[in-house]
Amino acid sequence: MDLQAVLFDFDYTLGDATDSIVAGFQYAMTRLGWPAPDRETVRHTVGYMLADSYTMLTGDTDPEHIERFLALFAEHSLELQIATTVLFPGAAELLHDLHGRGFQLGIVSSKRSTSLNP
């Protein structure tokens, strides 16, 4: 079997966007009347869809509340994601090397493509 493509998850595989994610959660949740979650609590939800993470942390399943959370999160964190997300050491070199060898590459993420490729 010839390997032709490699897919990578982004969060905690290729890079780290924790700072912007935590900031987005803290901003959105406090504006909705919830206490600001600490970094470690938020970190354990990274990789889940944001709506699911909100429900995991609050127990709130109200669709209107979730939509408001998502809007507030995006309002605060999207610019931060571009500015503060870092690749892990060696990640860029690995991707360039694999691409240079002719592999098709993909990144699987719930992040917007603009956050991963500014």
Protein backbone atom coordinates (compact mmCIF):
# COMPACT_ATOMS: atom_id res chain seq x y z
CA MET A 1 0.00 0.00 0.00
CA ASP A 2 1.40 3.37 -1.04
CA LEU A 3 0.77 6.20 1.37
CA GLN A 4 -0.30 9.27 -0.61
CA ALA A 5 -1.80 11.60 1.97
CA VAL A 6 -1.38 12.48 5.63
CA LEU A 7 -4.05 14.16 7.76
CA PHE A 8 -3.17 15.93 10.98
CA ASP A 9 -5.32 17.13 13.84
CA PHE A 10 -4.26 20.66 14.73
CA ASP A 11 -4.74 21.19 18.47
CA TYR A 12 -1.94 19.64 20.49
CA THR A 13 -0.64 17.77 17.45
CA LEU A 14 0.75 20.52 15.24
CA GLY A 15 0.27 23.55 17.45
CA ASP A 16 -1.21 25.25 20.45
CA ALA A 17 -4.03 27.81 20.43
CA THR A 18 -4.81 27.44 24.13
CA ASP A 19 -4.25 31.10 25.02
CA SER A 20 -6.88 32.37 22.58
CA ILE A 21 -9.30 29.57 23.44
CA VAL A 22 -9.09 30.28 27.17
CA ALA A 23 -9.50 34.02 26.54
CA GLY A 24 -12.56 33.34 24.38
CA PHE A 25 -14.17 31.11 26.99
CA GLN A 26 -13.51 33.53 29.81
CA TYR A 27 -14.86 36.48 27.82
CA ALA A 28 -17.99 34.73 26.60
CA MET A 29 -18.88 32.90 29.79
CA THR A 30 -18.55 35.93 32.06
CA ARG A 31 -20.75 37.94 29.72
CA LEU A 32 -23.35 35.20 30.00
CA GLY A 33 -23.22 35.30 33.80
CA TRP A 34 -21.04 32.22 34.34
CA PRO A 35 -17.82 32.30 36.33
CA ALA A 36 -14.66 32.54 34.24
CA PRO A 37 -13.22 29.04 33.83
CA ASP A 38 -9.56 28.53 34.61
CA ARG A 39 -7.02 27.58 31.95
CA GLU A 40 -6.81 23.92 32.90
CA THR A 41 -10.59 23.47 32.87
CA VAL A 42 -10.83 24.95 29.38
CA ARG A 43 -7.78 23.02 28.16
CA HIS A 44 -9.58 19.74 28.84
CA THR A 45 -12.31 20.73 26.37
CA VAL A 46 -9.96 21.63 23.50
CA GLY A 47 -10.69 19.40 20.53
CA TYR A 48 -14.43 19.25 21.12
CA MET A 49 -16.81 21.41 19.16
CA LEU A 50 -17.25 24.75 20.97
CA ALA A 51 -20.96 24.22 21.55
CA ASP A 52 -20.23 20.87 23.19
CA SER A 53 -17.45 22.40 25.29
CA TYR A 54 -19.81 25.11 26.53
CA THR A 55 -22.36 22.48 27.55
CA MET A 56 -19.66 20.33 29.18
CA LEU A 57 -18.58 23.26 31.35
CA THR A 58 -22.02 24.67 32.19
CA GLY A 59 -24.56 21.89 31.76
CA ASP A 60 -26.59 24.40 29.72
CA THR A 61 -28.19 22.90 26.60
CA ASP A 62 -30.39 25.87 25.64
CA PRO A 63 -29.75 26.48 21.90
CA GLU A 64 -30.14 30.25 22.27
CA HIS A 65 -27.57 30.37 25.05
CA ILE A 66 -25.18 28.23 23.03
CA GLU A 67 -25.55 30.49 19.99
CA ARG A 68 -24.87 33.56 22.13
CA PHE A 69 -21.81 31.87 23.63
CA LEU A 70 -20.49 31.02 20.15
CA ALA A 71 -20.97 34.61 18.96
CA LEU A 72 -19.25 36.06 22.02
CA PHE A 73 -16.41 33.54 21.78
CA ALA A 74 -15.80 34.42 18.14
CA GLU A 75 -16.05 38.14 18.86
CA HIS A 76 -13.14 37.92 21.26
CA SER A 77 -10.97 34.99 20.24
CA LEU A 78 -10.68 34.91 16.45
CA GLU A 79 -8.18 37.76 16.21
CA LEU A 80 -6.27 36.28 19.15
CA GLN A 81 -6.08 32.89 17.44
CA ILE A 82 -4.19 34.39 14.54
CA ALA A 83 -1.88 36.39 16.82
CA THR A 84 -1.18 33.84 19.56
CA THR A 85 -1.39 30.36 18.03
CA VAL A 86 2.01 28.73 17.84
CA LEU A 87 3.25 25.70 15.98
CA PHE A 88 5.13 23.11 17.96
CA PRO A 89 8.87 22.88 17.32
CA GLY A 90 9.49 20.90 14.16
CA ALA A 91 5.88 21.00 12.93
CA ALA A 92 6.50 23.40 10.03
CA GLU A 93 9.60 21.49 8.98
CA LEU A 94 7.69 18.19 9.06
CA LEU A 95 4.91 19.59 6.89
CA HIS A 96 7.37 21.11 4.41
CA ASP A 97 9.34 17.85 4.25
CA LEU A 98 6.26 15.70 3.66
CA HIS A 99 4.96 18.11 1.03
CA GLY A 100 8.36 18.10 -0.65
CA ARG A 101 8.18 14.30 -0.86
CA GLY A 102 4.89 14.58 -2.75
CA PHE A 103 2.44 13.78 0.03
CA GLN A 104 -0.95 15.45 0.00
CA LEU A 105 -1.47 17.05 3.40
CA GLY A 106 -4.53 18.07 5.32
CA ILE A 107 -5.30 19.58 8.69
CA VAL A 108 -8.48 18.46 10.41
CA SER A 109 -9.81 21.06 12.80
CA SER A 110 -12.95 22.77 13.96
CA LYS A 111 -11.04 26.06 13.67
CA ARG A 112 -11.82 28.40 10.80
CA SER A 113 -9.33 28.14 7.98
CA THR A 114 -8.43 31.81 8.45
CA SER A 115 -7.18 30.95 11.94
CA LEU A 116 -4.85 28.32 10.58
CA ASN A 117 -3.72 30.10 7.44
CA PRO A 118 -3.74 33.88 7.95
